[in-house]
Amino acid sequence: MTIGIVGYSCSNGLGELNRQVVRYCPSVTKWRIKPHRDLGHVPPERTLDFDVSASGVPARFFNAIDTVLFFETEFYPGLVREAKKFGKRVVCVPMIEWSPMWASRTDPKAWIGDVDLFICPTKQCYDLLHADGFPCRYFAWPFDMERFPYRERSMCQRFLFVEGNGGYNGRKGVDVMNRAKELWPEMPLVVYSLMTDGAKKWPNGTDVIEGSVVDNRNVYDQGDVLIYPATCDGIGLQPFEAMSQGMPVIVTSGQPWDENDAIARIRSTVEPYTSGKGRVIPWHVADAEHLVEICKGLAGKFIGNESQLSFEYARERAWPKRADAFERLVVSGKPD
């Protein structure tokens, strides 16, 4: 059984998810790459049949595979129904921050009713889809240990915040980090930003690294503990990547972050958030004062044990141990 994957191949979250599946799953034999409007694309890291196009999916793609796999959304209008015309199995890995699309099931133009299986990467995602009656299975997302080499952090000397592009509506927690830096101006903070003017909006004394990311392996070199005060997440790849390197993480308290290990969790309040698609999703707002309290308690402390524990947690959930089960789930709906 062969799998054809559709979607980005770039440095954003969805692009990295596609690249992980292609990296570890030999059943993926074709890749229709949709170029990202801002980030373009990066060629696959292993040999397989791929092409790059901003327009639809050709018949030769469907004829060469048994199952179509994509993350979050179709990328090409009509992808799902075109796949069904060719008699192909359709599998989607949904992201909770884009969950409003599920509410459009009654829309005659909606594609979600034709999906054979939703593979939910978090328990939060599974609970939501299962309650709505969608065909779904829970599969805890694996860690990419081979891409991020281990380096033990012995002392907590600098905190790292990866702003990236900020995320939809600032969902990565930029406002919380700015507030924390205002409350504690001496916080030893490094910010990795993809914003070309990122340094202008951070308080004085913040070490801001700007620039594009083609290879994300070096993003976590500049800090000892990752701060991740996100408001909502499909998976939350940054903590996964950091722990794979032996970097402990501070995360927002709530789902889906409570499903994985962390050195500390920031108190948060949950607000209902209505997106442009009209579905209400939980929006966690981390407490900046509690974050400062956590960071002051860690600064200058020995964290070698926590670093090793983060690495071991990730290693037990690494892709090589989980890839076969994921492939079986995609092609048959059963992990074993």
C-alpha atoms as a PDB file:
ATOM      1  CA  MET A   1       0.000   0.000   0.000  1.00  0.00           C
ATOM      2  CA  THR A   2       1.478   3.331  -1.046  1.00  0.00           C
ATOM      3  CA  ILE A   3       0.823   6.801   0.340  1.00  0.00           C
ATOM      4  CA  GLY A   4       0.835  10.115  -1.492  1.00  0.00           C
ATOM      5  CA  ILE A   5       1.272  13.185   0.695  1.00  0.00           C
ATOM      6  CA  VAL A   6       0.040  16.678  -0.188  1.00  0.00           C
ATOM      7  CA  GLY A   7       1.160  19.972   1.335  1.00  0.00           C
ATOM      8  CA  TYR A   8       4.049  22.276   2.204  1.00  0.00           C
ATOM      9  CA  SER A   9       7.730  21.422   2.396  1.00  0.00           C
ATOM     10  CA  CYS A  10       9.153  24.443   4.195  1.00  0.00           C
ATOM     11  CA  SER A  11      10.222  25.725   7.606  1.00  0.00           C
ATOM     12  CA  ASN A  12       6.727  26.287   9.023  1.00  0.00           C
ATOM     13  CA  GLY A  13       4.941  23.788  11.262  1.00  0.00           C
ATOM     14  CA  LEU A  14       2.877  22.062   8.570  1.00  0.00           C
ATOM     15  CA  GLY A  15       5.911  21.845   6.309  1.00  0.00           C
ATOM     16  CA  GLU A  16       7.951  20.207   9.069  1.00  0.00           C
ATOM     17  CA  LEU A  17       5.165  17.697   9.793  1.00  0.00           C
ATOM     18  CA  ASN A  18       5.126  16.656   6.149  1.00  0.00           C
ATOM     19  CA  ARG A  19       8.896  16.393   6.122  1.00  0.00           C
ATOM     20  CA  GLN A  20       8.852  14.152   9.208  1.00  0.00           C
ATOM     21  CA  VAL A  21       6.374  11.750   7.633  1.00  0.00           C
ATOM     22  CA  VAL A  22       8.379  11.614   4.415  1.00  0.00           C
ATOM     23  CA  ARG A  23      11.617  11.181   6.402  1.00  0.00           C
ATOM     24  CA  TYR A  24      10.426   8.178   8.414  1.00  0.00           C
ATOM     25  CA  CYS A  25       7.676   6.489   6.394  1.00  0.00           C
ATOM     26  CA  PRO A  26       8.875   4.573   3.313  1.00  0.00           C
ATOM     27  CA  SER A  27       5.275   3.892   2.257  1.00  0.00           C
ATOM     28  CA  VAL A  28       5.114   7.558   1.194  1.00  0.00           C
ATOM     29  CA  THR A  29       6.152   7.301  -2.451  1.00  0.00           C
ATOM     30  CA  LYS A  30       4.787  10.562  -3.914  1.00  0.00           C
ATOM     31  CA  TRP A  31       4.618  14.141  -2.687  1.00  0.00           C
ATOM     32  CA  ARG A  32       2.645  16.939  -4.286  1.00  0.00           C
ATOM     33  CA  ILE A  33       4.335  19.988  -2.755  1.00  0.00           C
ATOM     34  CA  LYS A  34       2.304  23.177  -2.477  1.00  0.00           C
ATOM     35  CA  PRO A  35       4.791  26.085  -2.305  1.00  0.00           C
ATOM     36  CA  HIS A  36       4.210  28.305   0.717  1.00  0.00           C
ATOM     37  CA  ARG A  37       3.331  31.857  -0.303  1.00  0.00           C
ATOM     38  CA  ASP A  38       6.068  33.344   1.918  1.00  0.00           C
ATOM     39  CA  LEU A  39       8.545  30.532   2.578  1.00  0.00           C
ATOM     40  CA  GLY A  40       8.588  28.682  -0.744  1.00  0.00           C
ATOM     41  CA  HIS A  41       9.715  25.072  -0.370  1.00  0.00           C
ATOM     42  CA  VAL A  42      12.691  22.920   0.577  1.00  0.00           C
ATOM     43  CA  PRO A  43      13.445  19.742  -1.432  1.00  0.00           C
ATOM     44  CA  PRO A  44      12.726  16.427   0.352  1.00  0.00           C
ATOM     45  CA  GLU A  45      15.571  14.858   2.322  1.00  0.00           C
ATOM     46  CA  ARG A  46      15.128  11.415   0.810  1.00  0.00           C
ATOM     47  CA  THR A  47      14.554  10.199  -2.714  1.00  0.00           C
ATOM     48  CA  LEU A  48      10.932   9.926  -3.751  1.00  0.00           C
ATOM     49  CA  ASP A  49       8.731  11.060  -6.618  1.00  0.00           C
ATOM     50  CA  PHE A  50       7.757  14.675  -5.931  1.00  0.00           C
ATOM     51  CA  ASP A  51       6.711  17.774  -7.821  1.00  0.00           C
ATOM     52  CA  VAL A  52       5.990  21.374  -6.896  1.00  0.00           C
ATOM     53  CA  SER A  53       2.942  23.258  -8.084  1.00  0.00           C
ATOM     54  CA  ALA A  54       0.561  25.939  -6.865  1.00  0.00           C
ATOM     55  CA  SER A  55      -2.268  24.513  -8.990  1.00  0.00           C
ATOM     56  CA  GLY A  56      -4.299  21.282  -8.691  1.00  0.00           C
ATOM     57  CA  VAL A  57      -3.293  17.638  -8.353  1.00  0.00           C
ATOM     58  CA  PRO A  58      -2.911  15.696 -11.629  1.00  0.00           C
ATOM     59  CA  ALA A  59      -4.392  12.285 -12.374  1.00  0.00           C
ATOM     60  CA  ARG A  60      -0.929  10.698 -12.451  1.00  0.00           C
ATOM     61  CA  PHE A  61      -0.561  11.452  -8.736  1.00  0.00           C
ATOM     62  CA  PHE A  62      -3.744   9.573  -7.813  1.00  0.00           C
ATOM     63  CA  ASN A  63      -3.000   6.708 -10.202  1.00  0.00           C
ATOM     64  CA  ALA A  64       0.354   6.060  -8.507  1.00  0.00           C
ATOM     65  CA  ILE A  65      -0.839   5.745  -4.907  1.00  0.00           C
ATOM     66  CA  ASP A  66      -3.471   4.037  -2.753  1.00  0.00           C
ATOM     67  CA  THR A  67      -3.993   6.636  -0.005  1.00  0.00           C
ATOM     68  CA  VAL A  68      -3.905  10.443   0.050  1.00  0.00           C
ATOM     69  CA  LEU A  69      -2.561  12.011   3.264  1.00  0.00           C
ATOM     70  CA  PHE A  70      -2.557  15.675   4.266  1.00  0.00           C
ATOM     71  CA  PHE A  71      -2.373  17.848   7.372  1.00  0.00           C
ATOM     72  CA  GLU A  72      -5.060  20.325   8.414  1.00  0.00           C
ATOM     73  CA  THR A  73      -6.583  21.338   5.071  1.00  0.00           C
ATOM     74  CA  GLU A  74      -6.823  20.350   1.407  1.00  0.00           C
ATOM     75  CA  PHE A  75      -4.256  22.874   0.085  1.00  0.00           C
ATOM     76  CA  TYR A  76      -5.777  22.399  -3.377  1.00  0.00           C
ATOM     77  CA  PRO A  77      -9.542  23.040  -3.660  1.00  0.00           C
ATOM     78  CA  GLY A  78     -11.334  19.813  -4.524  1.00  0.00           C
ATOM     79  CA  LEU A  79      -8.455  17.510  -3.531  1.00  0.00           C
ATOM     80  CA  VAL A  80     -10.560  15.195  -1.367  1.00  0.00           C
ATOM     81  CA  ARG A  81     -13.423  14.713  -3.767  1.00  0.00           C
ATOM     82  CA  GLU A  82     -11.043  14.276  -6.684  1.00  0.00           C
ATOM     83  CA  ALA A  83      -9.253  11.561  -4.715  1.00  0.00           C
ATOM     84  CA  LYS A  84     -12.559   9.815  -4.050  1.00  0.00           C
ATOM     85  CA  LYS A  85     -13.369   9.880  -7.777  1.00  0.00           C
ATOM     86  CA  PHE A  86     -10.183   7.881  -8.295  1.00  0.00           C
ATOM     87  CA  GLY A  87     -11.261   5.456  -5.568  1.00  0.00           C
ATOM     88  CA  LYS A  88      -8.522   6.474  -3.138  1.00  0.00           C
ATOM     89  CA  ARG A  89      -8.514   6.358   0.636  1.00  0.00           C
ATOM     90  CA  VAL A  90      -8.296   9.851   2.184  1.00  0.00           C
ATOM     91  CA  VAL A  91      -6.647  10.524   5.552  1.00  0.00           C
ATOM     92  CA  CYS A  92      -6.282  13.903   7.294  1.00  0.00           C
ATOM     93  CA  VAL A  93      -4.219  14.834  10.371  1.00  0.00           C
ATOM     94  CA  PRO A  94      -6.245  17.775  11.755  1.00  0.00           C
ATOM     95  CA  MET A  95      -4.894  20.708  13.757  1.00  0.00           C
ATOM     96  CA  ILE A  96      -6.968  22.057  16.644  1.00  0.00           C
ATOM     97  CA  GLU A  97      -6.192  25.705  15.854  1.00  0.00           C
ATOM     98  CA  TRP A  98      -7.922  25.186  12.513  1.00  0.00           C
ATOM     99  CA  SER A  99     -10.800  23.189  13.965  1.00  0.00           C
ATOM    100  CA  PRO A 100     -13.451  25.695  12.789  1.00  0.00           C
ATOM    101  CA  MET A 101     -13.351  23.996   9.409  1.00  0.00           C
ATOM    102  CA  TRP A 102     -15.005  20.946  10.960  1.00  0.00           C
ATOM    103  CA  ALA A 103     -18.131  22.947  11.719  1.00  0.00           C
ATOM    104  CA  SER A 104     -18.890  23.288   8.005  1.00  0.00           C
ATOM    105  CA  ARG A 105     -19.910  19.652   7.579  1.00  0.00           C
ATOM    106  CA  THR A 106     -23.327  20.672   6.226  1.00  0.00           C
ATOM    107  CA  ASP A 107     -21.781  22.951   3.620  1.00  0.00           C
ATOM    108  CA  PRO A 108     -22.215  21.242   0.213  1.00  0.00           C
ATOM    109  CA  LYS A 109     -18.724  22.474  -0.703  1.00  0.00           C
ATOM    110  CA  ALA A 110     -17.166  20.985   2.441  1.00  0.00           C
ATOM    111  CA  TRP A 111     -14.690  18.143   2.030  1.00  0.00           C
ATOM    112  CA  ILE A 112     -14.644  16.825   5.586  1.00  0.00           C
ATOM    113  CA  GLY A 113     -17.513  14.384   5.078  1.00  0.00           C
ATOM    114  CA  ASP A 114     -15.486  12.504   2.456  1.00  0.00           C
ATOM    115  CA  VAL A 115     -12.442  11.896   4.663  1.00  0.00           C
ATOM    116  CA  ASP A 116     -12.065   8.211   5.572  1.00  0.00           C
ATOM    117  CA  LEU A 117     -10.056   8.829   8.729  1.00  0.00           C
ATOM    118  CA  PHE A 118      -8.834  11.717  10.885  1.00  0.00           C
ATOM    119  CA  ILE A 119      -5.625  10.804  12.729  1.00  0.00           C
ATOM    120  CA  CYS A 120      -5.674  13.013  15.814  1.00  0.00           C
ATOM    121  CA  PRO A 121      -2.175  13.907  17.091  1.00  0.00           C
ATOM    122  CA  THR A 122      -3.386  14.945  20.567  1.00  0.00           C
ATOM    123  CA  LYS A 123      -6.012  13.651  22.990  1.00  0.00           C
ATOM    124  CA  GLN A 124      -7.640  17.085  22.928  1.00  0.00           C
ATOM    125  CA  CYS A 125      -8.074  16.850  19.173  1.00  0.00           C
ATOM    126  CA  TYR A 126      -9.452  13.316  19.393  1.00  0.00           C
ATOM    127  CA  ASP A 127     -11.974  14.220  22.074  1.00  0.00           C
ATOM    128  CA  LEU A 128     -13.330  17.089  19.979  1.00  0.00           C
ATOM    129  CA  LEU A 129     -13.632  15.119  16.739  1.00  0.00           C
ATOM    130  CA  HIS A 130     -14.948  11.991  18.396  1.00  0.00           C
ATOM    131  CA  ALA A 131     -17.650  13.996  20.165  1.00  0.00           C
ATOM    132  CA  ASP A 132     -18.692  15.409  16.787  1.00  0.00           C
ATOM    133  CA  GLY A 133     -18.985  11.927  15.293  1.00  0.00           C
ATOM    134  CA  PHE A 134     -16.044  12.010  12.907  1.00  0.00           C
ATOM    135  CA  PRO A 135     -14.145   8.813  12.009  1.00  0.00           C
ATOM    136  CA  CYS A 136     -10.987   9.321  14.033  1.00  0.00           C
ATOM    137  CA  ARG A 137      -8.142   7.599  15.863  1.00  0.00           C
ATOM    138  CA  TYR A 138      -5.735   9.015  18.438  1.00  0.00           C
ATOM    139  CA  PHE A 139      -2.023   8.786  17.615  1.00  0.00           C
ATOM    140  CA  ALA A 140       0.387  10.600  19.948  1.00  0.00           C
ATOM    141  CA  TRP A 141       2.765  12.501  17.694  1.00  0.00           C
ATOM    142  CA  PRO A 142       6.369  11.169  17.694  1.00  0.00           C
ATOM    143  CA  PHE A 143       9.616  13.039  18.379  1.00  0.00           C
ATOM    144  CA  ASP A 144      12.239  13.583  15.671  1.00  0.00           C
ATOM    145  CA  MET A 145      15.387  12.536  17.531  1.00  0.00           C
ATOM    146  CA  GLU A 146      17.628  12.171  14.475  1.00  0.00           C
ATOM    147  CA  ARG A 147      17.180  15.749  13.313  1.00  0.00           C
ATOM    148  CA  PHE A 148      17.970  17.394  16.645  1.00  0.00           C
ATOM    149  CA  PRO A 149      21.231  16.123  18.200  1.00  0.00           C
ATOM    150  CA  TYR A 150      21.389  15.877  21.978  1.00  0.00           C
ATOM    151  CA  ARG A 151      23.296  18.474  24.008  1.00  0.00           C
ATOM    152  CA  GLU A 152      22.882  18.411  27.761  1.00  0.00           C
ATOM    153  CA  ARG A 153      22.012  21.746  29.350  1.00  0.00           C
ATOM    154  CA  SER A 154      23.822  21.875  32.687  1.00  0.00           C
ATOM    155  CA  MET A 155      22.963  25.381  33.933  1.00  0.00           C
ATOM    156  CA  CYS A 156      19.953  27.578  33.249  1.00  0.00           C
ATOM    157  CA  GLN A 157      21.695  30.722  32.035  1.00  0.00           C
ATOM    158  CA  ARG A 158      19.459  31.852  29.160  1.00  0.00           C
ATOM    159  CA  PHE A 159      15.828  31.347  28.275  1.00  0.00           C
ATOM    160  CA  LEU A 160      14.775  30.935  24.650  1.00  0.00           C
ATOM    161  CA  PHE A 161      11.530  32.070  23.026  1.00  0.00           C
ATOM    162  CA  VAL A 162      10.994  31.108  19.375  1.00  0.00           C
ATOM    163  CA  GLU A 163       8.641  33.738  18.032  1.00  0.00           C
ATOM    164  CA  GLY A 164       8.806  32.593  14.422  1.00  0.00           C
ATOM    165  CA  ASN A 165       6.098  34.420  12.497  1.00  0.00           C
ATOM    166  CA  GLY A 166       4.085  34.904  15.674  1.00  0.00           C
ATOM    167  CA  GLY A 167       1.342  32.480  14.736  1.00  0.00           C
ATOM    168  CA  TYR A 168      -2.300  33.235  14.004  1.00  0.00           C
ATOM    169  CA  ASN A 169      -3.494  36.120  16.199  1.00  0.00           C
ATOM    170  CA  GLY A 170      -0.229  35.957  18.148  1.00  0.00           C
ATOM    171  CA  ARG A 171      -1.039  32.476  19.418  1.00  0.00           C
ATOM    172  CA  LYS A 172       2.623  31.673  20.194  1.00  0.00           C
ATOM    173  CA  GLY A 173       2.399  33.973  23.223  1.00  0.00           C
ATOM    174  CA  VAL A 174       4.295  37.069  22.079  1.00  0.00           C
ATOM    175  CA  ASP A 175       2.233  39.377  24.318  1.00  0.00           C
ATOM    176  CA  VAL A 176       2.909  37.207  27.366  1.00  0.00           C
ATOM    177  CA  MET A 177       6.649  37.233  26.698  1.00  0.00           C
ATOM    178  CA  ASN A 178       6.726  41.000  26.247  1.00  0.00           C
ATOM    179  CA  ARG A 179       4.857  41.447  29.515  1.00  0.00           C
ATOM    180  CA  ALA A 180       7.203  39.057  31.329  1.00  0.00           C
ATOM    181  CA  LYS A 181      10.225  40.973  30.052  1.00  0.00           C
ATOM    182  CA  GLU A 182       8.666  44.241  31.264  1.00  0.00           C
ATOM    183  CA  LEU A 183       8.061  42.721  34.700  1.00  0.00           C
ATOM    184  CA  TRP A 184      11.619  41.381  34.864  1.00  0.00           C
ATOM    185  CA  PRO A 185      13.849  43.535  32.604  1.00  0.00           C
ATOM    186  CA  GLU A 186      16.936  41.529  33.615  1.00  0.00           C
ATOM    187  CA  MET A 187      15.472  38.259  32.342  1.00  0.00           C
ATOM    188  CA  PRO A 188      18.245  36.594  30.266  1.00  0.00           C
ATOM    189  CA  LEU A 189      16.080  36.088  27.189  1.00  0.00           C
ATOM    190  CA  VAL A 190      16.921  35.162  23.601  1.00  0.00           C
ATOM    191  CA  VAL A 191      14.172  35.593  21.008  1.00  0.00           C
ATOM    192  CA  TYR A 192      14.396  33.827  17.660  1.00  0.00           C
ATOM    193  CA  SER A 193      12.210  35.765  15.224  1.00  0.00           C
ATOM    194  CA  LEU A 194      11.323  35.431  11.568  1.00  0.00           C
ATOM    195  CA  MET A 195      10.022  39.013  11.603  1.00  0.00           C
ATOM    196  CA  THR A 196      12.333  41.367   9.734  1.00  0.00           C
ATOM    197  CA  ASP A 197      11.554  44.141  12.236  1.00  0.00           C
ATOM    198  CA  GLY A 198      11.243  41.856  15.265  1.00  0.00           C
ATOM    199  CA  ALA A 199      13.858  43.641  17.366  1.00  0.00           C
ATOM    200  CA  LYS A 200      11.890  46.895  17.276  1.00  0.00           C
ATOM    201  CA  LYS A 201       8.981  45.599  19.366  1.00  0.00           C
ATOM    202  CA  TRP A 202      10.926  43.847  22.139  1.00  0.00           C
ATOM    203  CA  PRO A 203      11.994  45.650  25.341  1.00  0.00           C
ATOM    204  CA  ASN A 204      15.582  46.845  25.610  1.00  0.00           C
ATOM    205  CA  GLY A 205      17.964  44.162  26.766  1.00  0.00           C
ATOM    206  CA  THR A 206      16.294  41.398  24.750  1.00  0.00           C
ATOM    207  CA  ASP A 207      18.690  39.451  22.543  1.00  0.00           C
ATOM    208  CA  VAL A 208      16.738  39.124  19.271  1.00  0.00           C
ATOM    209  CA  ILE A 209      18.012  36.880  16.498  1.00  0.00           C
ATOM    210  CA  GLU A 210      16.309  37.616  13.197  1.00  0.00           C
ATOM    211  CA  GLY A 211      16.359  35.781   9.924  1.00  0.00           C
ATOM    212  CA  SER A 212      14.738  33.097   7.815  1.00  0.00           C
ATOM    213  CA  VAL A 213      14.985  29.404   8.678  1.00  0.00           C
ATOM    214  CA  VAL A 214      15.649  26.806   6.012  1.00  0.00           C
ATOM    215  CA  ASP A 215      17.169  24.264   8.378  1.00  0.00           C
ATOM    216  CA  ASN A 216      15.600  24.331  11.854  1.00  0.00           C
ATOM    217  CA  ARG A 217      18.278  22.210  13.548  1.00  0.00           C
ATOM    218  CA  ASN A 218      20.140  25.238  14.895  1.00  0.00           C
ATOM    219  CA  VAL A 219      17.175  27.166  16.295  1.00  0.00           C
ATOM    220  CA  TYR A 220      17.643  25.770  19.805  1.00  0.00           C
ATOM    221  CA  ASP A 221      21.396  26.367  20.094  1.00  0.00           C
ATOM    222  CA  GLN A 222      21.034  29.731  21.841  1.00  0.00           C
ATOM    223  CA  GLY A 223      19.275  28.818  25.080  1.00  0.00           C
ATOM    224  CA  ASP A 224      19.045  26.402  27.989  1.00  0.00           C
ATOM    225  CA  VAL A 225      15.285  26.353  28.670  1.00  0.00           C
ATOM    226  CA  LEU A 226      12.548  26.941  26.091  1.00  0.00           C
ATOM    227  CA  ILE A 227       9.591  29.144  27.041  1.00  0.00           C
ATOM    228  CA  TYR A 228       6.439  28.242  25.150  1.00  0.00           C
ATOM    229  CA  PRO A 229       3.409  30.248  26.398  1.00  0.00           C
ATOM    230  CA  ALA A 230       1.119  29.299  23.494  1.00  0.00           C
ATOM    231  CA  THR A 231      -2.624  29.954  23.469  1.00  0.00           C
ATOM    232  CA  CYS A 232      -3.695  26.985  21.300  1.00  0.00           C
ATOM    233  CA  ASP A 233      -1.902  24.294  19.332  1.00  0.00           C
ATOM    234  CA  GLY A 234      -2.372  21.492  16.872  1.00  0.00           C
ATOM    235  CA  ILE A 235       0.633  19.664  18.300  1.00  0.00           C
ATOM    236  CA  GLY A 236       3.191  22.181  19.554  1.00  0.00           C
ATOM    237  CA  LEU A 237       6.333  21.171  17.676  1.00  0.00           C
ATOM    238  CA  GLN A 238       8.686  23.579  19.415  1.00  0.00           C
ATOM    239  CA  PRO A 239       8.625  21.732  22.763  1.00  0.00           C
ATOM    240  CA  PHE A 240       9.038  18.438  20.881  1.00  0.00           C
ATOM    241  CA  GLU A 241      12.082  19.740  19.029  1.00  0.00           C
ATOM    242  CA  ALA A 242      13.617  21.291  22.142  1.00  0.00           C
ATOM    243  CA  MET A 243      13.213  18.158  24.283  1.00  0.00           C
ATOM    244  CA  SER A 244      14.722  16.052  21.501  1.00  0.00           C
ATOM    245  CA  GLN A 245      17.884  18.113  22.007  1.00  0.00           C
ATOM    246  CA  GLY A 246      17.799  17.833  25.783  1.00  0.00           C
ATOM    247  CA  MET A 247      16.362  21.307  26.340  1.00  0.00           C
ATOM    248  CA  PRO A 248      13.753  21.434  29.144  1.00  0.00           C
ATOM    249  CA  VAL A 249      10.585  23.364  28.350  1.00  0.00           C
ATOM    250  CA  ILE A 250       8.222  25.716  30.161  1.00  0.00           C
ATOM    251  CA  VAL A 251       4.737  25.460  28.662  1.00  0.00           C
ATOM    252  CA  THR A 252       1.255  26.833  29.162  1.00  0.00           C
ATOM    253  CA  SER A 253      -0.841  24.772  31.563  1.00  0.00           C
ATOM    254  CA  GLY A 254      -3.710  23.218  29.608  1.00  0.00           C
ATOM    255  CA  GLN A 255      -4.354  21.003  26.611  1.00  0.00           C
ATOM    256  CA  PRO A 256      -2.575  19.825  24.593  1.00  0.00           C
ATOM    257  CA  TRP A 257       0.639  20.793  26.435  1.00  0.00           C
ATOM    258  CA  ASP A 258      -0.295  18.834  29.580  1.00  0.00           C
ATOM    259  CA  GLU A 259      -0.153  15.667  27.480  1.00  0.00           C
ATOM    260  CA  ASN A 260       3.667  15.808  27.452  1.00  0.00           C
ATOM    261  CA  ASP A 261       6.561  16.399  29.828  1.00  0.00           C
ATOM    262  CA  ALA A 262       7.700  19.867  30.966  1.00  0.00           C
ATOM    263  CA  ILE A 263      10.015  21.368  33.579  1.00  0.00           C
ATOM    264  CA  ALA A 264       7.253  23.828  34.551  1.00  0.00           C
ATOM    265  CA  ARG A 265       3.742  24.866  33.506  1.00  0.00           C
ATOM    266  CA  ILE A 266       2.457  28.440  33.453  1.00  0.00           C
ATOM    267  CA  ARG A 267      -0.921  29.100  35.045  1.00  0.00           C
ATOM    268  CA  SER A 268      -3.447  30.087  32.419  1.00  0.00           C
ATOM    269  CA  THR A 269      -7.012  31.242  32.040  1.00  0.00           C
ATOM    270  CA  VAL A 270      -9.201  29.813  29.301  1.00  0.00           C
ATOM    271  CA  GLU A 271     -11.223  32.142  27.128  1.00  0.00           C
ATOM    272  CA  PRO A 272     -13.628  31.073  24.373  1.00  0.00           C
ATOM    273  CA  TYR A 273     -12.293  32.217  21.034  1.00  0.00           C
ATOM    274  CA  THR A 274     -14.421  32.405  17.896  1.00  0.00           C
ATOM    275  CA  SER A 275     -12.399  32.239  14.704  1.00  0.00           C
ATOM    276  CA  GLY A 276     -13.367  33.508  11.298  1.00  0.00           C
ATOM    277  CA  LYS A 277     -14.938  30.127  10.525  1.00  0.00           C
ATOM    278  CA  GLY A 278     -17.414  30.530  13.379  1.00  0.00           C
ATOM    279  CA  ARG A 279     -16.334  27.701  15.679  1.00  0.00           C
ATOM    280  CA  VAL A 280     -15.473  28.375  19.308  1.00  0.00           C
ATOM    281  CA  ILE A 281     -12.158  26.913  20.457  1.00  0.00           C
ATOM    282  CA  PRO A 282     -10.376  27.116  23.857  1.00  0.00           C
ATOM    283  CA  TRP A 283      -7.852  29.964  23.992  1.00  0.00           C
ATOM    284  CA  HIS A 284      -5.386  29.685  26.893  1.00  0.00           C
ATOM    285  CA  VAL A 285      -3.850  32.928  28.155  1.00  0.00           C
ATOM    286  CA  ALA A 286      -0.690  32.303  30.187  1.00  0.00           C
ATOM    287  CA  ASP A 287      -0.060  34.346  33.336  1.00  0.00           C
ATOM    288  CA  ALA A 288       3.023  36.534  32.747  1.00  0.00           C
ATOM    289  CA  GLU A 289       3.584  37.075  36.468  1.00  0.00           C
ATOM    290  CA  HIS A 290       3.624  33.330  37.106  1.00  0.00           C
ATOM    291  CA  LEU A 291       6.017  32.882  34.178  1.00  0.00           C
ATOM    292  CA  VAL A 292       8.419  35.387  35.745  1.00  0.00           C
ATOM    293  CA  GLU A 293       8.156  33.559  39.058  1.00  0.00           C
ATOM    294  CA  ILE A 294       9.037  30.268  37.334  1.00  0.00           C
ATOM    295  CA  CYS A 295      11.972  31.763  35.443  1.00  0.00           C
ATOM    296  CA  LYS A 296      13.439  33.461  38.503  1.00  0.00           C
ATOM    297  CA  GLY A 297      13.305  30.101  40.284  1.00  0.00           C
ATOM    298  CA  LEU A 298      15.248  28.406  37.467  1.00  0.00           C
ATOM    299  CA  ALA A 299      17.783  31.103  36.562  1.00  0.00           C
ATOM    300  CA  GLY A 300      21.299  30.107  37.566  1.00  0.00           C
ATOM    301  CA  LYS A 301      20.206  26.669  38.735  1.00  0.00           C
ATOM    302  CA  PHE A 302      21.650  23.279  37.759  1.00  0.00           C
ATOM    303  CA  ILE A 303      19.288  21.625  35.265  1.00  0.00           C
ATOM    304  CA  GLY A 304      21.396  18.681  34.089  1.00  0.00           C
ATOM    305  CA  ASN A 305      18.960  16.129  35.491  1.00  0.00           C
ATOM    306  CA  GLU A 306      15.973  17.873  33.898  1.00  0.00           C
ATOM    307  CA  SER A 307      17.836  18.064  30.593  1.00  0.00           C
ATOM    308  CA  GLN A 308      18.506  14.323  30.634  1.00  0.00           C
ATOM    309  CA  LEU A 309      14.923  13.532  31.615  1.00  0.00           C
ATOM    310  CA  SER A 310      13.582  15.669  28.741  1.00  0.00           C
ATOM    311  CA  PHE A 311      15.810  13.814  26.305  1.00  0.00           C
ATOM    312  CA  GLU A 312      14.808  10.398  27.663  1.00  0.00           C
ATOM    313  CA  TYR A 313      11.125  11.320  27.485  1.00  0.00           C
ATOM    314  CA  ALA A 314      11.528  12.248  23.830  1.00  0.00           C
ATOM    315  CA  ARG A 315      13.609   9.186  22.973  1.00  0.00           C
ATOM    316  CA  GLU A 316      10.934   6.818  24.275  1.00  0.00           C
ATOM    317  CA  ARG A 317       8.495   8.419  21.827  1.00  0.00           C
ATOM    318  CA  ALA A 318      10.817   8.743  18.835  1.00  0.00           C
ATOM    319  CA  TRP A 319       9.727   8.297  15.234  1.00  0.00           C
ATOM    320  CA  PRO A 320      11.646   5.051  14.561  1.00  0.00           C
ATOM    321  CA  LYS A 321       9.585   3.385  17.301  1.00  0.00           C
ATOM    322  CA  ARG A 322       6.289   4.742  15.978  1.00  0.00           C
ATOM    323  CA  ALA A 323       6.624   4.984  12.187  1.00  0.00           C
ATOM    324  CA  ASP A 324       5.304   1.478  11.411  1.00  0.00           C
ATOM    325  CA  ALA A 325       2.209   2.029  13.536  1.00  0.00           C
ATOM    326  CA  PHE A 326       1.557   5.369  11.851  1.00  0.00           C
ATOM    327  CA  GLU A 327       1.842   3.880   8.368  1.00  0.00           C
ATOM    328  CA  ARG A 328      -0.526   1.039   9.255  1.00  0.00           C
ATOM    329  CA  LEU A 329      -2.995   3.535  10.672  1.00  0.00           C
ATOM    330  CA  VAL A 330      -2.890   5.599   7.473  1.00  0.00           C
ATOM    331  CA  VAL A 331      -3.413   2.681   5.108  1.00  0.00           C
ATOM    332  CA  SER A 332      -5.858   0.571   7.148  1.00  0.00           C
ATOM    333  CA  GLY A 333      -7.167   2.568  10.114  1.00  0.00           C
ATOM    334  CA  LYS A 334      -5.530   0.105  12.524  1.00  0.00           C
ATOM    335  CA  PRO A 335      -2.106   0.694  14.157  1.00  0.00           C
ATOM    336  CA  ASP A 336      -1.347  -3.069  14.399  1.00  0.00           C
END
